[in-house]
Amino acid sequence: KALGGSQATQAKKREIEDNSRKIGALFAKLNSGDISPNVSSKLVQLCSALDSSDFATAMHLQVILTTSDWDECNFWLSALKRMIKTRQNFRM
């Protein structure tokens, strides 16, 4: 239920769809090269932190993106934060 699937609640399904749309927008920007080097660098660091299950660093980088690059990242940051928390809760 927590991750979706056929038994997910309507609210969870909406959240999953929202995450998909927003992360899709991030991927579109990455693929077109429409991400600043500063944000790109932070995203690489964030992914590295997630790969090593360092959730505190991942969340810290998400906060830095929120405070320093809000204009560029505001559309997809909430979905990224949700995904970090989900990953932390399920320790994939």
PDB file of N, CA and C in Angstrom:
ATOM      1  N   LYS A   1       0.808  -1.205   0.000  1.00  0.00           N
ATOM      2  CA  LYS A   1       0.000   0.000   0.000  1.00  0.00           C
ATOM      3  C   LYS A   1       0.847   1.263   0.000  1.00  0.00           C
ATOM      4  N   ALA A   2       1.903   1.255   0.778  1.00  0.00           N
ATOM      5  CA  ALA A   2       2.707   2.470   0.920  1.00  0.00           C
ATOM      6  C   ALA A   2       3.379   2.887  -0.379  1.00  0.00           C
ATOM      7  N   LEU A   3       3.743   1.921  -1.202  1.00  0.00           N
ATOM      8  CA  LEU A   3       4.429   2.241  -2.446  1.00  0.00           C
ATOM      9  C   LEU A   3       3.494   2.307  -3.641  1.00  0.00           C
ATOM     10  N   GLY A   4       2.236   2.032  -3.453  1.00  0.00           N
ATOM     11  CA  GLY A   4       1.292   2.088  -4.560  1.00  0.00           C
ATOM     12  C   GLY A   4       0.770   0.715  -4.888  1.00  0.00           C
ATOM     13  N   GLY A   5       0.598   0.461  -6.147  1.00  0.00           N
ATOM     14  CA  GLY A   5       0.065  -0.824  -6.567  1.00  0.00           C
ATOM     15  C   GLY A   5      -1.444  -0.817  -6.544  1.00  0.00           C
ATOM     16  N   SER A   6      -2.013  -1.996  -6.724  1.00  0.00           N
ATOM     17  CA  SER A   6      -3.462  -2.103  -6.861  1.00  0.00           C
ATOM     18  C   SER A   6      -4.213  -1.791  -5.574  1.00  0.00           C
ATOM     19  N   GLN A   7      -3.550  -1.874  -4.417  1.00  0.00           N
ATOM     20  CA  GLN A   7      -4.248  -1.641  -3.153  1.00  0.00           C
ATOM     21  C   GLN A   7      -4.006  -0.251  -2.569  1.00  0.00           C
ATOM     22  N   ALA A   8      -3.358   0.612  -3.306  1.00  0.00           N
ATOM     23  CA  ALA A   8      -3.074   1.963  -2.819  1.00  0.00           C
ATOM     24  C   ALA A   8      -4.366   2.767  -2.689  1.00  0.00           C
ATOM     25  N   THR A   9      -4.385   3.650  -1.718  1.00  0.00           N
ATOM     26  CA  THR A   9      -5.532   4.532  -1.546  1.00  0.00           C
ATOM     27  C   THR A   9      -5.543   5.561  -2.668  1.00  0.00           C
ATOM     28  N   GLN A  10      -6.675   6.201  -2.855  1.00  0.00           N
ATOM     29  CA  GLN A  10      -6.788   7.245  -3.890  1.00  0.00           C
ATOM     30  C   GLN A  10      -5.775   8.362  -3.642  1.00  0.00           C
ATOM     31  N   ALA A  11      -5.609   8.753  -2.377  1.00  0.00           N
ATOM     32  CA  ALA A  11      -4.661   9.823  -2.058  1.00  0.00           C
ATOM     33  C   ALA A  11      -3.245   9.396  -2.424  1.00  0.00           C
ATOM     34  N   LYS A  12      -2.891   8.158  -2.130  1.00  0.00           N
ATOM     35  CA  LYS A  12      -1.558   7.653  -2.455  1.00  0.00           C
ATOM     36  C   LYS A  12      -1.379   7.581  -3.973  1.00  0.00           C
ATOM     37  N   LYS A  13      -2.418   7.178  -4.697  1.00  0.00           N
ATOM     38  CA  LYS A  13      -2.333   7.133  -6.158  1.00  0.00           C
ATOM     39  C   LYS A  13      -2.107   8.529  -6.733  1.00  0.00           C
ATOM     40  N   ARG A  14      -2.791   9.534  -6.185  1.00  0.00           N
ATOM     41  CA  ARG A  14      -2.594  10.911  -6.636  1.00  0.00           C
ATOM     42  C   ARG A  14      -1.164  11.373  -6.346  1.00  0.00           C
ATOM     43  N   GLU A  15      -0.667  11.005  -5.168  1.00  0.00           N
ATOM     44  CA  GLU A  15       0.701  11.375  -4.802  1.00  0.00           C
ATOM     45  C   GLU A  15       1.704  10.725  -5.761  1.00  0.00           C
ATOM     46  N   ILE A  16       1.486   9.464  -6.088  1.00  0.00           N
ATOM     47  CA  ILE A  16       2.377   8.753  -7.016  1.00  0.00           C
ATOM     48  C   ILE A  16       2.341   9.406  -8.393  1.00  0.00           C
ATOM     49  N   GLU A  17       1.150   9.755  -8.859  1.00  0.00           N
ATOM     50  CA  GLU A  17       1.020  10.426 -10.152  1.00  0.00           C
ATOM     51  C   GLU A  17       1.710  11.789 -10.140  1.00  0.00           C
ATOM     52  N   ASP A  18       1.572  12.527  -9.033  1.00  0.00           N
ATOM     53  CA  ASP A  18       2.218  13.828  -8.894  1.00  0.00           C
ATOM     54  C   ASP A  18       3.734  13.665  -8.911  1.00  0.00           C
ATOM     55  N   ASN A  19       4.235  12.682  -8.152  1.00  0.00           N
ATOM     56  CA  ASN A  19       5.677  12.417  -8.138  1.00  0.00           C
ATOM     57  C   ASN A  19       6.176  12.085  -9.537  1.00  0.00           C
ATOM     58  N   SER A  20       5.441  11.233 -10.225  1.00  0.00           N
ATOM     59  CA  SER A  20       5.837  10.820 -11.567  1.00  0.00           C
ATOM     60  C   SER A  20       5.914  12.012 -12.518  1.00  0.00           C
ATOM     61  N   ARG A  21       4.919  12.866 -12.457  1.00  0.00           N
ATOM     62  CA  ARG A  21       4.878  14.048 -13.329  1.00  0.00           C
ATOM     63  C   ARG A  21       6.046  14.982 -13.020  1.00  0.00           C
ATOM     64  N   LYS A  22       6.303  15.213 -11.738  1.00  0.00           N
ATOM     65  CA  LYS A  22       7.351  16.159 -11.356  1.00  0.00           C
ATOM     66  C   LYS A  22       8.752  15.596 -11.602  1.00  0.00           C
ATOM     67  N   ILE A  23       8.962  14.339 -11.279  1.00  0.00           N
ATOM     68  CA  ILE A  23      10.270  13.737 -11.541  1.00  0.00           C
ATOM     69  C   ILE A  23      10.477  13.599 -13.052  1.00  0.00           C
ATOM     70  N   GLY A  24       9.396  13.349 -13.784  1.00  0.00           N
ATOM     71  CA  GLY A  24       9.480  13.331 -15.247  1.00  0.00           C
ATOM     72  C   GLY A  24       9.951  14.676 -15.790  1.00  0.00           C
ATOM     73  N   ALA A  25       9.463  15.754 -15.203  1.00  0.00           N
ATOM     74  CA  ALA A  25       9.898  17.096 -15.616  1.00  0.00           C
ATOM     75  C   ALA A  25      11.379  17.294 -15.314  1.00  0.00           C
ATOM     76  N   LEU A  26      11.837  16.781 -14.170  1.00  0.00           N
ATOM     77  CA  LEU A  26      13.259  16.858 -13.838  1.00  0.00           C
ATOM     78  C   LEU A  26      14.085  16.094 -14.879  1.00  0.00           C
ATOM     79  N   PHE A  27      13.662  14.870 -15.222  1.00  0.00           N
ATOM     80  CA  PHE A  27      14.386  14.095 -16.216  1.00  0.00           C
ATOM     81  C   PHE A  27      14.403  14.796 -17.570  1.00  0.00           C
ATOM     82  N   ALA A  28      13.300  15.421 -17.941  1.00  0.00           N
ATOM     83  CA  ALA A  28      13.251  16.150 -19.207  1.00  0.00           C
ATOM     84  C   ALA A  28      14.281  17.283 -19.202  1.00  0.00           C
ATOM     85  N   LYS A  29      14.380  18.003 -18.082  1.00  0.00           N
ATOM     86  CA  LYS A  29      15.358  19.084 -17.974  1.00  0.00           C
ATOM     87  C   LYS A  29      16.788  18.535 -18.009  1.00  0.00           C
ATOM     88  N   LEU A  30      17.000  17.419 -17.322  1.00  0.00           N
ATOM     89  CA  LEU A  30      18.335  16.815 -17.346  1.00  0.00           C
ATOM     90  C   LEU A  30      18.708  16.372 -18.760  1.00  0.00           C
ATOM     91  N   ASN A  31      17.778  15.739 -19.445  1.00  0.00           N
ATOM     92  CA  ASN A  31      18.044  15.245 -20.802  1.00  0.00           C
ATOM     93  C   ASN A  31      18.282  16.363 -21.802  1.00  0.00           C
ATOM     94  N   SER A  32      17.669  17.514 -21.578  1.00  0.00           N
ATOM     95  CA  SER A  32      17.853  18.634 -22.507  1.00  0.00           C
ATOM     96  C   SER A  32      19.006  19.553 -22.089  1.00  0.00           C
ATOM     97  N   GLY A  33      19.645  19.230 -20.968  1.00  0.00           N
ATOM     98  CA  GLY A  33      20.749  20.070 -20.490  1.00  0.00           C
ATOM     99  C   GLY A  33      20.291  21.377 -19.891  1.00  0.00           C
ATOM    100  N   ASP A  34      19.056  21.422 -19.440  1.00  0.00           N
ATOM    101  CA  ASP A  34      18.461  22.650 -18.919  1.00  0.00           C
ATOM    102  C   ASP A  34      18.542  22.716 -17.388  1.00  0.00           C
ATOM    103  N   ILE A  35      19.629  22.194 -16.832  1.00  0.00           N
ATOM    104  CA  ILE A  35      19.874  22.246 -15.384  1.00  0.00           C
ATOM    105  C   ILE A  35      21.228  22.930 -15.198  1.00  0.00           C
ATOM    106  N   SER A  36      21.289  23.872 -14.278  1.00  0.00           N
ATOM    107  CA  SER A  36      22.546  24.590 -14.051  1.00  0.00           C
ATOM    108  C   SER A  36      23.604  23.636 -13.486  1.00  0.00           C
ATOM    109  N   PRO A  37      24.863  23.952 -13.706  1.00  0.00           N
ATOM    110  CA  PRO A  37      25.937  23.108 -13.151  1.00  0.00           C
ATOM    111  C   PRO A  37      25.852  22.980 -11.626  1.00  0.00           C
ATOM    112  N   ASN A  38      25.442  24.048 -10.957  1.00  0.00           N
ATOM    113  CA  ASN A  38      25.320  24.021  -9.493  1.00  0.00           C
ATOM    114  C   ASN A  38      24.271  23.000  -9.052  1.00  0.00           C
ATOM    115  N   VAL A  39      23.109  23.031  -9.658  1.00  0.00           N
ATOM    116  CA  VAL A  39      22.039  22.097  -9.309  1.00  0.00           C
ATOM    117  C   VAL A  39      22.428  20.684  -9.720  1.00  0.00           C
ATOM    118  N   SER A  40      23.002  20.548 -10.881  1.00  0.00           N
ATOM    119  CA  SER A  40      23.436  19.237 -11.354  1.00  0.00           C
ATOM    120  C   SER A  40      24.427  18.604 -10.383  1.00  0.00           C
ATOM    121  N   SER A  41      25.374  19.378  -9.916  1.00  0.00           N
ATOM    122  CA  SER A  41      26.367  18.893  -8.961  1.00  0.00           C
ATOM    123  C   SER A  41      25.710  18.425  -7.664  1.00  0.00           C
ATOM    124  N   LYS A  42      24.749  19.196  -7.182  1.00  0.00           N
ATOM    125  CA  LYS A  42      24.048  18.817  -5.949  1.00  0.00           C
ATOM    126  C   LYS A  42      23.227  17.547  -6.155  1.00  0.00           C
ATOM    127  N   LEU A  43      22.627  17.392  -7.324  1.00  0.00           N
ATOM    128  CA  LEU A  43      21.853  16.183  -7.607  1.00  0.00           C
ATOM    129  C   LEU A  43      22.755  14.953  -7.662  1.00  0.00           C
ATOM    130  N   VAL A  44      23.942  15.093  -8.221  1.00  0.00           N
ATOM    131  CA  VAL A  44      24.898  13.982  -8.253  1.00  0.00           C
ATOM    132  C   VAL A  44      25.289  13.605  -6.822  1.00  0.00           C
ATOM    133  N   GLN A  45      25.562  14.606  -5.995  1.00  0.00           N
ATOM    134  CA  GLN A  45      25.902  14.349  -4.594  1.00  0.00           C
ATOM    135  C   GLN A  45      24.733  13.682  -3.862  1.00  0.00           C
ATOM    136  N   LEU A  46      23.520  14.150  -4.131  1.00  0.00           N
ATOM    137  CA  LEU A  46      22.332  13.593  -3.498  1.00  0.00           C
ATOM    138  C   LEU A  46      22.160  12.118  -3.890  1.00  0.00           C
ATOM    139  N   CYS A  47      22.322  11.813  -5.163  1.00  0.00           N
ATOM    140  CA  CYS A  47      22.207  10.420  -5.623  1.00  0.00           C
ATOM    141  C   CYS A  47      23.278   9.544  -4.996  1.00  0.00           C
ATOM    142  N   SER A  48      24.476  10.077  -4.884  1.00  0.00           N
ATOM    143  CA  SER A  48      25.566   9.340  -4.247  1.00  0.00           C
ATOM    144  C   SER A  48      25.237   9.050  -2.781  1.00  0.00           C
ATOM    145  N   ALA A  49      24.676  10.036  -2.102  1.00  0.00           N
ATOM    146  CA  ALA A  49      24.281   9.846  -0.702  1.00  0.00           C
ATOM    147  C   ALA A  49      23.207   8.759  -0.595  1.00  0.00           C
ATOM    148  N   LEU A  50      22.232   8.789  -1.500  1.00  0.00           N
ATOM    149  CA  LEU A  50      21.185   7.762  -1.482  1.00  0.00           C
ATOM    150  C   LEU A  50      21.759   6.373  -1.765  1.00  0.00           C
ATOM    151  N   ASP A  51      22.705   6.304  -2.700  1.00  0.00           N
ATOM    152  CA  ASP A  51      23.329   5.018  -3.021  1.00  0.00           C
ATOM    153  C   ASP A  51      24.013   4.400  -1.812  1.00  0.00           C
ATOM    154  N   SER A  52      24.536   5.247  -0.930  1.00  0.00           N
ATOM    155  CA  SER A  52      25.203   4.732   0.268  1.00  0.00           C
ATOM    156  C   SER A  52      24.301   4.778   1.502  1.00  0.00           C
ATOM    157  N   SER A  53      22.994   4.971   1.275  1.00  0.00           N
ATOM    158  CA  SER A  53      21.987   5.025   2.357  1.00  0.00           C
ATOM    159  C   SER A  53      22.282   6.115   3.383  1.00  0.00           C
ATOM    160  N   ASP A  54      22.886   7.204   2.940  1.00  0.00           N
ATOM    161  CA  ASP A  54      23.158   8.351   3.799  1.00  0.00           C
ATOM    162  C   ASP A  54      22.000   9.343   3.639  1.00  0.00           C
ATOM    163  N   PHE A  55      20.901   9.047   4.307  1.00  0.00           N
ATOM    164  CA  PHE A  55      19.680   9.817   4.143  1.00  0.00           C
ATOM    165  C   PHE A  55      19.785  11.221   4.740  1.00  0.00           C
ATOM    166  N   ALA A  56      20.582  11.357   5.801  1.00  0.00           N
ATOM    167  CA  ALA A  56      20.757  12.687   6.401  1.00  0.00           C
ATOM    168  C   ALA A  56      21.416  13.630   5.400  1.00  0.00           C
ATOM    169  N   THR A  57      22.438  13.154   4.701  1.00  0.00           N
ATOM    170  CA  THR A  57      23.101  13.988   3.695  1.00  0.00           C
ATOM    171  C   THR A  57      22.163  14.265   2.524  1.00  0.00           C
ATOM    172  N   ALA A  58      21.421  13.261   2.097  1.00  0.00           N
ATOM    173  CA  ALA A  58      20.472  13.454   0.996  1.00  0.00           C
ATOM    174  C   ALA A  58      19.447  14.525   1.351  1.00  0.00           C
ATOM    175  N   MET A  59      18.901  14.462   2.552  1.00  0.00           N
ATOM    176  CA  MET A  59      17.918  15.466   2.970  1.00  0.00           C
ATOM    177  C   MET A  59      18.573  16.846   3.112  1.00  0.00           C
ATOM    178  N   HIS A  60      19.808  16.881   3.600  1.00  0.00           N
ATOM    179  CA  HIS A  60      20.524  18.154   3.726  1.00  0.00           C
ATOM    180  C   HIS A  60      20.718  18.792   2.347  1.00  0.00           C
ATOM    181  N   LEU A  61      21.086  17.985   1.362  1.00  0.00           N
ATOM    182  CA  LEU A  61      21.255  18.505   0.005  1.00  0.00           C
ATOM    183  C   LEU A  61      19.930  18.986  -0.577  1.00  0.00           C
ATOM    184  N   GLN A  62      18.854  18.285  -0.256  1.00  0.00           N
ATOM    185  CA  GLN A  62      17.530  18.718  -0.714  1.00  0.00           C
ATOM    186  C   GLN A  62      17.187  20.079  -0.101  1.00  0.00           C
ATOM    187  N   VAL A  63      17.517  20.268   1.162  1.00  0.00           N
ATOM    188  CA  VAL A  63      17.273  21.554   1.824  1.00  0.00           C
ATOM    189  C   VAL A  63      18.134  22.651   1.190  1.00  0.00           C
ATOM    190  N   ILE A  64      19.383  22.338   0.889  1.00  0.00           N
ATOM    191  CA  ILE A  64      20.250  23.316   0.226  1.00  0.00           C
ATOM    192  C   ILE A  64      19.660  23.730  -1.120  1.00  0.00           C
ATOM    193  N   LEU A  65      19.173  22.743  -1.882  1.00  0.00           N
ATOM    194  CA  LEU A  65      18.534  23.072  -3.160  1.00  0.00           C
ATOM    195  C   LEU A  65      17.317  23.978  -2.949  1.00  0.00           C
ATOM    196  N   THR A  66      16.583  23.722  -1.878  1.00  0.00           N
ATOM    197  CA  THR A  66      15.395  24.528  -1.574  1.00  0.00           C
ATOM    198  C   THR A  66      15.783  25.967  -1.270  1.00  0.00           C
ATOM    199  N   THR A  67      16.853  26.147  -0.516  1.00  0.00           N
ATOM    200  CA  THR A  67      17.225  27.504  -0.097  1.00  0.00           C
ATOM    201  C   THR A  67      18.064  28.246  -1.125  1.00  0.00           C
ATOM    202  N   SER A  68      18.882  27.532  -1.894  1.00  0.00           N
ATOM    203  CA  SER A  68      19.792  28.236  -2.795  1.00  0.00           C
ATOM    204  C   SER A  68      19.348  28.244  -4.257  1.00  0.00           C
ATOM    205  N   ASP A  69      18.505  27.295  -4.650  1.00  0.00           N
ATOM    206  CA  ASP A  69      18.149  27.171  -6.070  1.00  0.00           C
ATOM    207  C   ASP A  69      16.640  27.008  -6.274  1.00  0.00           C
ATOM    208  N   TRP A  70      15.866  27.623  -5.411  1.00  0.00           N
ATOM    209  CA  TRP A  70      14.413  27.442  -5.436  1.00  0.00           C
ATOM    210  C   TRP A  70      13.805  27.770  -6.801  1.00  0.00           C
ATOM    211  N   ASP A  71      14.222  28.854  -7.406  1.00  0.00           N
ATOM    212  CA  ASP A  71      13.623  29.266  -8.684  1.00  0.00           C
ATOM    213  C   ASP A  71      13.785  28.192  -9.755  1.00  0.00           C
ATOM    214  N   GLU A  72      14.896  27.495  -9.729  1.00  0.00           N
ATOM    215  CA  GLU A  72      15.152  26.472 -10.736  1.00  0.00           C
ATOM    216  C   GLU A  72      14.504  25.126 -10.382  1.00  0.00           C
ATOM    217  N   CYS A  73      14.364  24.855  -9.089  1.00  0.00           N
ATOM    218  CA  CYS A  73      13.993  23.507  -8.636  1.00  0.00           C
ATOM    219  C   CYS A  73      12.594  23.373  -8.047  1.00  0.00           C
ATOM    220  N   ASN A  74      11.884  24.468  -7.881  1.00  0.00           N
ATOM    221  CA  ASN A  74      10.644  24.431  -7.095  1.00  0.00           C
ATOM    222  C   ASN A  74       9.613  23.433  -7.604  1.00  0.00           C
ATOM    223  N   PHE A  75       9.544  23.188  -8.911  1.00  0.00           N
ATOM    224  CA  PHE A  75       8.497  22.307  -9.442  1.00  0.00           C
ATOM    225  C   PHE A  75       8.687  20.865  -8.991  1.00  0.00           C
ATOM    226  N   TRP A  76       9.928  20.395  -8.940  1.00  0.00           N
ATOM    227  CA  TRP A  76      10.160  18.974  -8.668  1.00  0.00           C
ATOM    228  C   TRP A  76      10.742  18.668  -7.291  1.00  0.00           C
ATOM    229  N   LEU A  77      11.098  19.693  -6.497  1.00  0.00           N
ATOM    230  CA  LEU A  77      11.718  19.432  -5.195  1.00  0.00           C
ATOM    231  C   LEU A  77      10.813  18.695  -4.216  1.00  0.00           C
ATOM    232  N   SER A  78       9.541  18.993  -4.204  1.00  0.00           N
ATOM    233  CA  SER A  78       8.652  18.301  -3.257  1.00  0.00           C
ATOM    234  C   SER A  78       8.583  16.807  -3.567  1.00  0.00           C
ATOM    235  N   ALA A  79       8.559  16.461  -4.844  1.00  0.00           N
ATOM    236  CA  ALA A  79       8.543  15.047  -5.225  1.00  0.00           C
ATOM    237  C   ALA A  79       9.860  14.379  -4.855  1.00  0.00           C
ATOM    238  N   LEU A  80      10.966  15.088  -5.035  1.00  0.00           N
ATOM    239  CA  LEU A  80      12.269  14.538  -4.667  1.00  0.00           C
ATOM    240  C   LEU A  80      12.328  14.276  -3.163  1.00  0.00           C
ATOM    241  N   LYS A  81      11.821  15.207  -2.378  1.00  0.00           N
ATOM    242  CA  LYS A  81      11.808  15.038  -0.918  1.00  0.00           C
ATOM    243  C   LYS A  81      10.967  13.823  -0.529  1.00  0.00           C
ATOM    244  N   ARG A  82       9.793  13.674  -1.134  1.00  0.00           N
ATOM    245  CA  ARG A  82       8.940  12.512  -0.847  1.00  0.00           C
ATOM    246  C   ARG A  82       9.646  11.208  -1.195  1.00  0.00           C
ATOM    247  N   MET A  83      10.344  11.209  -2.315  1.00  0.00           N
ATOM    248  CA  MET A  83      11.030   9.999  -2.743  1.00  0.00           C
ATOM    249  C   MET A  83      12.188   9.648  -1.799  1.00  0.00           C
ATOM    250  N   ILE A  84      12.898  10.652  -1.293  1.00  0.00           N
ATOM    251  CA  ILE A  84      13.965  10.399  -0.324  1.00  0.00           C
ATOM    252  C   ILE A  84      13.375   9.782   0.937  1.00  0.00           C
ATOM    253  N   LYS A  85      12.285  10.357   1.423  1.00  0.00           N
ATOM    254  CA  LYS A  85      11.645   9.831   2.648  1.00  0.00           C
ATOM    255  C   LYS A  85      11.132   8.410   2.437  1.00  0.00           C
ATOM    256  N   THR A  86      10.550   8.147   1.273  1.00  0.00           N
ATOM    257  CA  THR A  86      10.063   6.792   0.978  1.00  0.00           C
ATOM    258  C   THR A  86      11.230   5.812   0.962  1.00  0.00           C
ATOM    259  N   ARG A  87      12.298   6.211   0.303  1.00  0.00           N
ATOM    260  CA  ARG A  87      13.493   5.349   0.225  1.00  0.00           C
ATOM    261  C   ARG A  87      14.047   5.091   1.614  1.00  0.00           C
ATOM    262  N   GLN A  88      14.052   6.114   2.461  1.00  0.00           N
ATOM    263  CA  GLN A  88      14.542   5.968   3.838  1.00  0.00           C
ATOM    264  C   GLN A  88      13.649   5.017   4.629  1.00  0.00           C
ATOM    265  N   ASN A  89      12.337   5.158   4.480  1.00  0.00           N
ATOM    266  CA  ASN A  89      11.405   4.326   5.243  1.00  0.00           C
ATOM    267  C   ASN A  89      11.446   2.872   4.844  1.00  0.00           C
ATOM    268  N   PHE A  90      11.770   2.584   3.600  1.00  0.00           N
ATOM    269  CA  PHE A  90      11.749   1.202   3.120  1.00  0.00           C
ATOM    270  C   PHE A  90      13.123   0.595   2.958  1.00  0.00           C
ATOM    271  N   ARG A  91      14.148   1.384   3.153  1.00  0.00           N
ATOM    272  CA  ARG A  91      15.532   0.887   3.114  1.00  0.00           C
ATOM    273  C   ARG A  91      15.772  -0.074   1.971  1.00  0.00           C
ATOM    274  N   MET A  92      15.464   0.371   0.770  1.00  0.00           N
ATOM    275  CA  MET A  92      15.598  -0.476  -0.429  1.00  0.00           C
ATOM    276  C   MET A  92      17.039  -0.775  -0.732  1.00  0.00           C
TER     277      MET A  92
END
